[in-house]
Amino acid sequence: QVQLVESGGGLVQAGGSLRLSCLASGRTFSIYAMGWFRQAPGKERESVASISWSGGNSYYVDSVKGRFTISRDKAKNTVYLQMDSLKFEDTAVYYCAAGGGSTATLRNYNGVNYWGKGTLVTVSS
């Protein structure tokens, strides 16, 4: 199986920045794409960003375009989410995700094969 461990969450003021990291271990050869979801209280879990492991294709939900950047370090089996110009509305638990399909497939909750336990991002206004 694959294990995903997130780090980097915390409390930040609006306009500030955070970088989330997700370390993958185990049977990582099964991973084709990785990404991030988030879930705020009372809201559905939504796809935020995804990236293909080797192809360089990436996806962002409209609400974070221009503010968030997803990247990966293949040698370290790690994916990052650089979050700049954070807004109060970005407050959520952020979950690392991985799957054997495309970045498009990973946008769907049912397309995720592996989940991290989540890391809380709180943005104060």
Protein backbone atom coordinates (compact mmCIF):
# COMPACT_ATOMS: atom_id res chain seq x y z
CA GLN A 1 0.00 0.00 0.00
CA VAL A 2 0.88 3.69 -0.09
CA GLN A 3 1.19 5.95 2.92
CA LEU A 4 0.87 9.73 2.68
CA VAL A 5 1.98 12.05 5.47
CA GLU A 6 1.24 15.77 5.35
CA SER A 7 3.03 18.55 7.18
CA GLY A 8 3.15 22.34 7.16
CA GLY A 9 -0.32 23.31 8.30
CA GLY A 10 -0.89 25.93 10.94
CA LEU A 11 -2.28 29.35 11.75
CA VAL A 12 -1.53 32.27 9.46
CA GLN A 13 -2.92 35.76 8.94
CA ALA A 14 -4.76 36.68 5.78
CA GLY A 15 -2.28 37.64 3.10
CA GLY A 16 0.37 35.32 4.47
CA SER A 17 1.88 32.15 3.09
CA LEU A 18 2.27 28.49 3.99
CA ARG A 19 3.85 25.54 2.26
CA LEU A 20 2.35 22.11 2.70
CA SER A 21 4.38 18.97 2.13
CA CYS A 22 3.26 15.41 1.51
CA LEU A 23 5.69 12.52 1.76
CA ALA A 24 4.71 9.32 -0.01
CA SER A 25 6.06 5.93 1.00
CA GLY A 26 5.34 2.28 0.38
CA ARG A 27 4.34 1.08 -3.07
CA THR A 28 4.88 4.45 -4.70
CA PHE A 29 5.33 2.86 -8.13
CA SER A 30 1.55 2.70 -8.27
CA ILE A 31 1.24 6.51 -8.18
CA TYR A 32 0.67 8.41 -11.40
CA ALA A 33 -0.73 11.66 -10.02
CA MET A 34 -0.78 13.42 -6.67
CA GLY A 35 -2.70 16.37 -5.37
CA TRP A 36 -4.48 18.18 -2.60
CA PHE A 37 -8.08 18.33 -1.44
CA ARG A 38 -9.56 20.49 1.28
CA GLN A 39 -12.65 20.33 3.43
CA ALA A 40 -14.09 23.19 5.46
CA PRO A 41 -16.74 22.68 8.16
CA GLY A 42 -20.12 21.98 6.59
CA LYS A 43 -18.63 21.77 3.10
CA GLU A 44 -17.86 18.93 0.75
CA ARG A 45 -14.29 17.87 0.19
CA GLU A 46 -13.05 19.61 -2.95
CA SER A 47 -10.06 19.18 -5.22
CA VAL A 48 -7.62 22.07 -4.92
CA ALA A 49 -4.69 21.08 -7.13
CA SER A 50 -3.13 18.06 -8.74
CA ILE A 51 0.02 17.22 -10.66
CA SER A 52 1.19 14.32 -12.79
CA TRP A 53 4.19 12.56 -11.30
CA SER A 54 6.32 12.69 -14.42
CA GLY A 55 4.40 14.60 -17.09
CA GLY A 56 4.38 18.05 -15.52
CA ASN A 57 0.66 18.61 -16.07
CA SER A 58 -1.13 20.44 -13.30
CA TYR A 59 -4.62 21.52 -12.32
CA TYR A 60 -5.98 24.19 -9.98
CA VAL A 61 -9.47 24.98 -8.85
CA ASP A 62 -10.45 28.47 -10.00
CA SER A 63 -10.54 29.92 -6.50
CA VAL A 64 -6.80 29.34 -5.94
CA LYS A 65 -5.39 30.07 -9.39
CA GLY A 66 -2.58 32.60 -9.21
CA ARG A 67 -2.18 32.08 -5.46
CA PHE A 68 -1.33 28.39 -5.00
CA THR A 69 1.41 26.42 -6.73
CA ILE A 70 1.71 22.64 -6.73
CA SER A 71 5.07 21.00 -7.36
CA ARG A 72 6.80 17.72 -6.78
CA ASP A 73 10.27 16.42 -5.99
CA LYS A 74 10.37 12.96 -7.51
CA ALA A 75 13.66 12.03 -5.84
CA LYS A 76 12.13 12.77 -2.42
CA ASN A 77 8.72 11.24 -3.18
CA THR A 78 7.24 14.52 -2.03
CA VAL A 79 4.59 16.88 -3.36
CA TYR A 80 4.26 20.47 -2.18
CA LEU A 81 1.53 23.06 -2.14
CA GLN A 82 2.83 26.61 -1.89
CA MET A 83 -0.02 28.82 -0.70
CA ASP A 84 0.39 32.58 -1.06
CA SER A 85 -2.02 35.46 -0.47
CA LEU A 86 -4.09 33.28 1.82
CA LYS A 87 -7.69 34.23 2.48
CA PHE A 88 -10.01 33.44 5.36
CA GLU A 89 -11.99 31.29 2.93
CA ASP A 90 -8.97 29.01 2.52
CA THR A 91 -9.40 27.76 6.09
CA ALA A 92 -9.87 24.00 5.92
CA VAL A 93 -8.32 20.64 6.57
CA TYR A 94 -6.05 19.91 3.64
CA TYR A 95 -5.63 16.31 2.53
CA CYS A 96 -2.91 14.87 0.37
CA ALA A 97 -4.16 12.48 -2.30
CA ALA A 98 -2.63 10.05 -4.76
CA GLY A 99 -3.86 7.74 -7.47
CA GLY A 100 -2.98 5.62 -10.45
CA GLY A 101 -4.99 7.70 -12.93
CA SER A 102 -4.55 11.06 -14.57
CA THR A 103 -4.70 14.47 -12.93
CA ALA A 104 -8.25 14.75 -14.25
CA THR A 105 -9.19 11.49 -12.55
CA LEU A 106 -7.65 12.71 -9.30
CA ARG A 107 -9.99 15.72 -9.26
CA ASN A 108 -12.81 13.37 -8.37
CA TYR A 109 -13.17 12.07 -4.84
CA ASN A 110 -13.83 8.58 -6.17
CA GLY A 111 -10.70 8.75 -8.30
CA VAL A 112 -8.41 8.94 -5.28
CA ASN A 113 -6.74 5.69 -4.27
CA TYR A 114 -4.78 6.92 -1.25
CA TRP A 115 -5.39 9.63 1.34
CA GLY A 116 -3.31 11.35 3.97
CA LYS A 117 -4.80 12.07 7.38
CA GLY A 118 -4.95 15.81 6.74
CA THR A 119 -3.37 18.95 8.11
CA LEU A 120 -5.32 21.95 9.38
CA VAL A 121 -4.81 25.36 7.80
CA THR A 122 -6.42 28.25 9.67
CA VAL A 123 -6.35 31.73 8.16
CA SER A 124 -7.26 34.59 10.46
CA SER A 125 -8.84 37.76 9.12
